Amino acid sequence: MQAATALAPAHGQRLWAGRIVSAIPALFLVLDAAMHIAKPDPVAQAFAQLGFPLGLAVPLGIIELLLVAIYVVPRTSALGAILLTGYLGGAVASHVRVGDPAFPVIFPILVGAPLWGGLFLRDARVRALVNW
């Protein structure tokens, strides 16, 4: 009986809560990708501070948009969450490498947590993985 409950599709409040929790980091990541593509001065400064050539900003922005697109499609959302976790892990590693203070290091983790939390609420496959 527990397996049937775990695989029951999300509906009602759980589904909407999951959509809202998922939308917040997804919208932030879309904005972040747009900023990478537009390359305003703060992006150029951040790339210089992290030691990355500014020429990587557009490819990274496009990759980020593609990963968010994979995440927001319900059928591929788990794959999108996995890939975005890797992308955000690279951001954490980059900030650790240059010795940034705690907040820039932790911020990508704070973006990734609601990605998974929202997915947990709206996707029975993810709930089944943790047997909750």
N, C-alpha and C. Protein backbone atom coordinates (compact mmCIF):
# COMPACT_ATOMS: atom_id res chain seq x y z
N MET A 1 0.82 -1.19 0.00
CA MET A 1 0.00 0.00 0.00
C MET A 1 0.87 1.26 0.00
N GLN A 2 2.02 1.23 0.69
CA GLN A 2 2.88 2.39 0.76
C GLN A 2 3.43 2.75 -0.62
N ALA A 3 3.82 1.76 -1.43
CA ALA A 3 4.34 2.04 -2.77
C ALA A 3 3.28 2.70 -3.63
N ALA A 4 2.05 2.27 -3.52
CA ALA A 4 0.98 2.89 -4.30
C ALA A 4 0.77 4.33 -3.89
N THR A 5 0.89 4.59 -2.61
CA THR A 5 0.74 5.96 -2.12
C THR A 5 1.89 6.83 -2.61
N ALA A 6 3.11 6.31 -2.59
CA ALA A 6 4.28 7.07 -3.01
C ALA A 6 4.23 7.40 -4.50
N LEU A 7 3.64 6.53 -5.30
CA LEU A 7 3.60 6.75 -6.74
C LEU A 7 2.34 7.47 -7.19
N ALA A 8 1.47 7.82 -6.26
CA ALA A 8 0.27 8.56 -6.62
C ALA A 8 0.67 9.93 -7.15
N PRO A 9 0.06 10.35 -8.24
CA PRO A 9 0.44 11.65 -8.79
C PRO A 9 0.07 12.78 -7.84
N ALA A 10 0.87 13.82 -7.87
CA ALA A 10 0.57 14.98 -7.05
C ALA A 10 -0.67 15.67 -7.59
N HIS A 11 -1.49 16.16 -6.69
CA HIS A 11 -2.68 16.89 -7.10
C HIS A 11 -3.02 17.93 -6.05
N GLY A 12 -3.88 18.83 -6.40
CA GLY A 12 -4.36 19.82 -5.46
C GLY A 12 -3.27 20.72 -4.92
N GLN A 13 -3.28 20.88 -3.62
CA GLN A 13 -2.36 21.80 -2.96
C GLN A 13 -0.90 21.40 -3.12
N ARG A 14 -0.63 20.10 -3.06
CA ARG A 14 0.76 19.64 -3.20
C ARG A 14 1.30 19.99 -4.59
N LEU A 15 0.50 19.76 -5.62
CA LEU A 15 0.94 20.05 -6.98
C LEU A 15 1.20 21.55 -7.16
N TRP A 16 0.28 22.38 -6.70
CA TRP A 16 0.45 23.82 -6.85
C TRP A 16 1.61 24.35 -6.01
N ALA A 17 1.76 23.81 -4.82
CA ALA A 17 2.90 24.21 -4.00
C ALA A 17 4.20 23.84 -4.71
N GLY A 18 4.26 22.65 -5.29
CA GLY A 18 5.44 22.23 -6.02
C GLY A 18 5.72 23.10 -7.23
N ARG A 19 4.67 23.49 -7.94
CA ARG A 19 4.85 24.37 -9.09
C ARG A 19 5.40 25.73 -8.67
N ILE A 20 4.87 26.26 -7.58
CA ILE A 20 5.32 27.58 -7.11
C ILE A 20 6.76 27.50 -6.62
N VAL A 21 7.06 26.48 -5.80
CA VAL A 21 8.42 26.33 -5.27
C VAL A 21 9.40 26.10 -6.42
N SER A 22 9.00 25.37 -7.45
CA SER A 22 9.87 25.13 -8.61
C SER A 22 10.04 26.38 -9.47
N ALA A 23 8.99 27.18 -9.56
CA ALA A 23 9.03 28.35 -10.44
C ALA A 23 10.00 29.42 -9.94
N ILE A 24 10.13 29.55 -8.64
CA ILE A 24 10.98 30.62 -8.09
C ILE A 24 12.44 30.46 -8.54
N PRO A 25 13.08 29.32 -8.31
CA PRO A 25 14.46 29.20 -8.79
C PRO A 25 14.55 29.13 -10.31
N ALA A 26 13.53 28.57 -10.97
CA ALA A 26 13.56 28.51 -12.43
C ALA A 26 13.55 29.92 -13.03
N LEU A 27 12.71 30.80 -12.49
CA LEU A 27 12.68 32.17 -12.97
C LEU A 27 13.99 32.90 -12.67
N PHE A 28 14.55 32.66 -11.50
CA PHE A 28 15.84 33.26 -11.19
C PHE A 28 16.90 32.80 -12.18
N LEU A 29 16.93 31.49 -12.50
CA LEU A 29 17.93 30.96 -13.42
C LEU A 29 17.74 31.51 -14.83
N VAL A 30 16.49 31.73 -15.25
CA VAL A 30 16.23 32.34 -16.56
C VAL A 30 16.78 33.77 -16.57
N LEU A 31 16.55 34.51 -15.49
CA LEU A 31 17.09 35.87 -15.38
C LEU A 31 18.62 35.84 -15.39
N ASP A 32 19.21 34.90 -14.67
CA ASP A 32 20.66 34.76 -14.64
C ASP A 32 21.20 34.46 -16.03
N ALA A 33 20.53 33.56 -16.75
CA ALA A 33 20.97 33.23 -18.12
C ALA A 33 20.86 34.45 -19.03
N ALA A 34 19.77 35.20 -18.90
CA ALA A 34 19.61 36.41 -19.71
C ALA A 34 20.73 37.41 -19.42
N MET A 35 21.11 37.51 -18.16
CA MET A 35 22.21 38.41 -17.81
C MET A 35 23.52 37.93 -18.41
N HIS A 36 23.74 36.62 -18.43
CA HIS A 36 24.96 36.10 -19.06
C HIS A 36 24.97 36.44 -20.55
N ILE A 37 23.83 36.32 -21.19
CA ILE A 37 23.75 36.58 -22.63
C ILE A 37 23.92 38.07 -22.92
N ALA A 38 23.33 38.93 -22.07
CA ALA A 38 23.42 40.38 -22.27
C ALA A 38 24.79 40.94 -21.90
N LYS A 39 25.48 40.30 -20.98
CA LYS A 39 26.82 40.69 -20.52
C LYS A 39 26.93 42.14 -20.04
N PRO A 40 26.09 42.56 -19.09
CA PRO A 40 26.28 43.91 -18.53
C PRO A 40 27.56 43.95 -17.69
N ASP A 41 27.94 45.14 -17.25
CA ASP A 41 29.18 45.31 -16.49
C ASP A 41 29.31 44.40 -15.27
N PRO A 42 28.24 44.20 -14.45
CA PRO A 42 28.41 43.30 -13.30
C PRO A 42 28.77 41.88 -13.70
N VAL A 43 28.26 41.41 -14.82
CA VAL A 43 28.61 40.06 -15.30
C VAL A 43 30.08 40.04 -15.74
N ALA A 44 30.49 41.07 -16.46
CA ALA A 44 31.90 41.14 -16.89
C ALA A 44 32.83 41.17 -15.68
N GLN A 45 32.47 41.93 -14.66
CA GLN A 45 33.29 42.00 -13.45
C GLN A 45 33.33 40.66 -12.73
N ALA A 46 32.17 39.99 -12.65
CA ALA A 46 32.12 38.69 -11.97
C ALA A 46 32.96 37.66 -12.71
N PHE A 47 32.88 37.66 -14.04
CA PHE A 47 33.70 36.71 -14.81
C PHE A 47 35.18 36.99 -14.61
N ALA A 48 35.56 38.25 -14.58
CA ALA A 48 36.96 38.61 -14.36
C ALA A 48 37.41 38.17 -12.97
N GLN A 49 36.56 38.40 -11.97
CA GLN A 49 36.90 38.04 -10.59
C GLN A 49 37.04 36.53 -10.43
N LEU A 50 36.21 35.76 -11.17
CA LEU A 50 36.27 34.30 -11.09
C LEU A 50 37.36 33.71 -12.01
N GLY A 51 37.95 34.55 -12.86
CA GLY A 51 39.01 34.08 -13.74
C GLY A 51 38.52 33.40 -15.00
N PHE A 52 37.29 33.69 -15.40
CA PHE A 52 36.73 33.11 -16.63
C PHE A 52 36.75 34.16 -17.74
N PRO A 53 37.05 33.75 -18.97
CA PRO A 53 36.97 34.71 -20.07
C PRO A 53 35.51 35.11 -20.32
N LEU A 54 35.28 36.38 -20.61
CA LEU A 54 33.92 36.87 -20.84
C LEU A 54 33.27 36.19 -22.03
N GLY A 55 34.06 35.65 -22.93
CA GLY A 55 33.52 34.93 -24.08
C GLY A 55 32.73 33.69 -23.70
N LEU A 56 32.88 33.21 -22.47
CA LEU A 56 32.11 32.05 -22.01
C LEU A 56 30.73 32.42 -21.50
N ALA A 57 30.46 33.71 -21.34
CA ALA A 57 29.18 34.14 -20.76
C ALA A 57 27.99 33.69 -21.61
N VAL A 58 28.04 33.92 -22.89
CA VAL A 58 26.91 33.56 -23.76
C VAL A 58 26.72 32.04 -23.82
N PRO A 59 27.77 31.25 -24.07
CA PRO A 59 27.55 29.80 -24.05
C PRO A 59 27.00 29.29 -22.72
N LEU A 60 27.50 29.83 -21.59
CA LEU A 60 26.97 29.42 -20.30
C LEU A 60 25.51 29.83 -20.13
N GLY A 61 25.16 31.00 -20.61
CA GLY A 61 23.77 31.44 -20.56
C GLY A 61 22.86 30.55 -21.37
N ILE A 62 23.31 30.15 -22.55
CA ILE A 62 22.50 29.27 -23.40
C ILE A 62 22.36 27.90 -22.75
N ILE A 63 23.44 27.38 -22.20
CA ILE A 63 23.38 26.09 -21.50
C ILE A 63 22.40 26.17 -20.34
N GLU A 64 22.48 27.24 -19.59
CA GLU A 64 21.58 27.43 -18.44
C GLU A 64 20.12 27.47 -18.89
N LEU A 65 19.83 28.18 -19.98
CA LEU A 65 18.46 28.21 -20.51
C LEU A 65 17.98 26.83 -20.94
N LEU A 66 18.85 26.08 -21.59
CA LEU A 66 18.49 24.72 -22.01
C LEU A 66 18.21 23.82 -20.81
N LEU A 67 19.02 23.93 -19.77
CA LEU A 67 18.81 23.11 -18.58
C LEU A 67 17.51 23.47 -17.88
N VAL A 68 17.19 24.76 -17.82
CA VAL A 68 15.93 25.18 -17.21
C VAL A 68 14.76 24.66 -18.05
N ALA A 69 14.89 24.69 -19.37
CA ALA A 69 13.83 24.18 -20.23
C ALA A 69 13.60 22.68 -19.98
N ILE A 70 14.67 21.93 -19.81
CA ILE A 70 14.55 20.51 -19.49
C ILE A 70 13.87 20.33 -18.14
N TYR A 71 14.18 21.21 -17.19
CA TYR A 71 13.60 21.12 -15.85
C TYR A 71 12.10 21.42 -15.83
N VAL A 72 11.66 22.39 -16.60
CA VAL A 72 10.26 22.79 -16.51
C VAL A 72 9.31 21.87 -17.27
N VAL A 73 9.83 21.03 -18.14
CA VAL A 73 8.98 20.04 -18.83
C VAL A 73 8.75 18.88 -17.86
N PRO A 74 7.51 18.62 -17.48
CA PRO A 74 7.25 17.60 -16.45
C PRO A 74 7.90 16.25 -16.73
N ARG A 75 7.90 15.81 -17.96
CA ARG A 75 8.45 14.48 -18.27
C ARG A 75 9.96 14.40 -18.06
N THR A 76 10.66 15.52 -18.21
CA THR A 76 12.12 15.52 -18.10
C THR A 76 12.61 16.31 -16.89
N SER A 77 11.72 16.64 -15.98
CA SER A 77 12.09 17.52 -14.86
C SER A 77 13.14 16.90 -13.94
N ALA A 78 13.10 15.61 -13.73
CA ALA A 78 14.11 14.98 -12.86
C ALA A 78 15.50 15.09 -13.49
N LEU A 79 15.58 14.84 -14.79
CA LEU A 79 16.86 15.00 -15.49
C LEU A 79 17.32 16.45 -15.42
N GLY A 80 16.40 17.38 -15.61
CA GLY A 80 16.74 18.80 -15.52
C GLY A 80 17.27 19.18 -14.15
N ALA A 81 16.66 18.63 -13.11
CA ALA A 81 17.13 18.92 -11.74
C ALA A 81 18.54 18.37 -11.53
N ILE A 82 18.80 17.19 -12.05
CA ILE A 82 20.14 16.60 -11.92
C ILE A 82 21.18 17.46 -12.65
N LEU A 83 20.85 17.86 -13.89
CA LEU A 83 21.79 18.66 -14.67
C LEU A 83 21.99 20.05 -14.06
N LEU A 84 20.91 20.66 -13.57
CA LEU A 84 21.04 21.97 -12.92
C LEU A 84 21.85 21.87 -11.62
N THR A 85 21.73 20.74 -10.93
CA THR A 85 22.53 20.54 -9.73
C THR A 85 24.02 20.54 -10.09
N GLY A 86 24.37 19.90 -11.19
CA GLY A 86 25.75 19.93 -11.65
C GLY A 86 26.20 21.33 -12.04
N TYR A 87 25.35 22.05 -12.73
CA TYR A 87 25.66 23.43 -13.12
C TYR A 87 25.89 24.30 -11.89
N LEU A 88 24.99 24.20 -10.92
CA LEU A 88 25.12 24.99 -9.70
C LEU A 88 26.33 24.53 -8.87
N GLY A 89 26.64 23.25 -8.91
CA GLY A 89 27.84 22.75 -8.23
C GLY A 89 29.10 23.35 -8.82
N GLY A 90 29.09 23.56 -10.12
CA GLY A 90 30.22 24.24 -10.76
C GLY A 90 30.36 25.68 -10.28
N ALA A 91 29.22 26.32 -10.04
CA ALA A 91 29.26 27.69 -9.51
C ALA A 91 29.85 27.69 -8.10
N VAL A 92 29.44 26.73 -7.29
CA VAL A 92 29.99 26.63 -5.93
C VAL A 92 31.50 26.42 -6.01
N ALA A 93 31.92 25.51 -6.83
CA ALA A 93 33.36 25.21 -6.96
C ALA A 93 34.14 26.44 -7.43
N SER A 94 33.56 27.19 -8.36
CA SER A 94 34.24 28.38 -8.86
C SER A 94 34.44 29.42 -7.76
N HIS A 95 33.42 29.60 -6.93
CA HIS A 95 33.54 30.58 -5.84
C HIS A 95 34.49 30.10 -4.75
N VAL A 96 34.49 28.81 -4.48
CA VAL A 96 35.43 28.27 -3.49
C VAL A 96 36.86 28.43 -4.00
N ARG A 97 37.08 28.18 -5.29
CA ARG A 97 38.41 28.25 -5.88
C ARG A 97 39.04 29.62 -5.73
N VAL A 98 38.23 30.69 -5.85
CA VAL A 98 38.80 32.04 -5.75
C VAL A 98 38.76 32.58 -4.33
N GLY A 99 38.25 31.80 -3.39
CA GLY A 99 38.24 32.21 -1.99
C GLY A 99 37.17 33.23 -1.65
N ASP A 100 36.04 33.18 -2.33
CA ASP A 100 34.94 34.10 -2.03
C ASP A 100 34.41 33.86 -0.62
N PRO A 101 33.76 34.88 -0.04
CA PRO A 101 33.15 34.69 1.28
C PRO A 101 31.97 33.71 1.21
N ALA A 102 31.37 33.43 2.34
CA ALA A 102 30.37 32.37 2.46
C ALA A 102 29.15 32.57 1.56
N PHE A 103 28.59 33.77 1.48
CA PHE A 103 27.33 33.92 0.76
C PHE A 103 27.42 33.55 -0.72
N PRO A 104 28.42 34.04 -1.48
CA PRO A 104 28.50 33.61 -2.88
C PRO A 104 28.70 32.10 -3.04
N VAL A 105 29.32 31.48 -2.07
CA VAL A 105 29.52 30.03 -2.12
C VAL A 105 28.21 29.30 -1.85
N ILE A 106 27.45 29.78 -0.89
CA ILE A 106 26.23 29.10 -0.47
C ILE A 106 25.04 29.42 -1.37
N PHE A 107 25.05 30.57 -2.04
CA PHE A 107 23.88 30.99 -2.81
C PHE A 107 23.45 29.97 -3.87
N PRO A 108 24.36 29.38 -4.66
CA PRO A 108 23.89 28.37 -5.61
C PRO A 108 23.21 27.17 -4.93
N ILE A 109 23.63 26.85 -3.72
CA ILE A 109 22.97 25.78 -2.97
C ILE A 109 21.57 26.20 -2.59
N LEU A 110 21.41 27.46 -2.23
CA LEU A 110 20.09 27.99 -1.89
C LEU A 110 19.16 28.05 -3.09
N VAL A 111 19.72 28.12 -4.28
CA VAL A 111 18.91 28.06 -5.51
C VAL A 111 18.56 26.60 -5.82
N GLY A 112 19.50 25.70 -5.61
CA GLY A 112 19.27 24.29 -5.93
C GLY A 112 18.30 23.59 -5.00
N ALA A 113 18.28 23.97 -3.74
CA ALA A 113 17.39 23.31 -2.77
C ALA A 113 15.92 23.41 -3.16
N PRO A 114 15.40 24.59 -3.52
CA PRO A 114 14.00 24.63 -3.92
C PRO A 114 13.73 23.97 -5.28
N LEU A 115 14.77 23.85 -6.12
CA LEU A 115 14.59 23.07 -7.35
C LEU A 115 14.15 21.66 -7.01
N TRP A 116 14.87 21.05 -6.06
CA TRP A 116 14.55 19.69 -5.65
C TRP A 116 13.31 19.64 -4.78
N GLY A 117 13.11 20.63 -3.92
CA GLY A 117 11.92 20.65 -3.07
C GLY A 117 10.65 20.75 -3.88
N GLY A 118 10.64 21.62 -4.87
CA GLY A 118 9.47 21.74 -5.74
C GLY A 118 9.24 20.49 -6.55
N LEU A 119 10.31 19.89 -7.02
CA LEU A 119 10.19 18.64 -7.77
C LEU A 119 9.66 17.52 -6.89
N PHE A 120 10.12 17.49 -5.64
CA PHE A 120 9.62 16.49 -4.69
C PHE A 120 8.11 16.62 -4.51
N LEU A 121 7.64 17.84 -4.42
CA LEU A 121 6.21 18.06 -4.20
C LEU A 121 5.37 17.71 -5.42
N ARG A 122 5.90 17.90 -6.62
CA ARG A 122 5.08 17.71 -7.81
C ARG A 122 5.34 16.42 -8.59
N ASP A 123 6.35 15.66 -8.20
CA ASP A 123 6.70 14.46 -8.98
C ASP A 123 6.75 13.23 -8.09
N ALA A 124 5.86 12.29 -8.35
CA ALA A 124 5.77 11.07 -7.55
C ALA A 124 7.04 10.22 -7.66
N ARG A 125 7.73 10.29 -8.80
CA ARG A 125 8.96 9.51 -8.97
C ARG A 125 10.03 9.94 -7.97
N VAL A 126 10.13 11.24 -7.73
CA VAL A 126 11.13 11.74 -6.79
C VAL A 126 10.72 11.38 -5.37
N ARG A 127 9.43 11.49 -5.05
CA ARG A 127 8.96 11.08 -3.71
C ARG A 127 9.22 9.59 -3.48
N ALA A 128 9.07 8.77 -4.53
CA ALA A 128 9.32 7.34 -4.39
C ALA A 128 10.80 7.05 -4.13
N LEU A 129 11.70 7.89 -4.66
CA LEU A 129 13.13 7.68 -4.44
C LEU A 129 13.50 7.80 -2.97
N VAL A 130 12.86 8.71 -2.28
CA VAL A 130 13.17 8.90 -0.87
C VAL A 130 12.17 8.15 0.02
N ASN A 131 11.26 7.43 -0.60
CA ASN A 131 10.30 6.57 0.09
C ASN A 131 9.51 7.34 1.14
N TRP A 132 9.02 8.52 0.73
CA TRP A 132 8.29 9.38 1.64
C TRP A 132 6.85 9.44 1.26
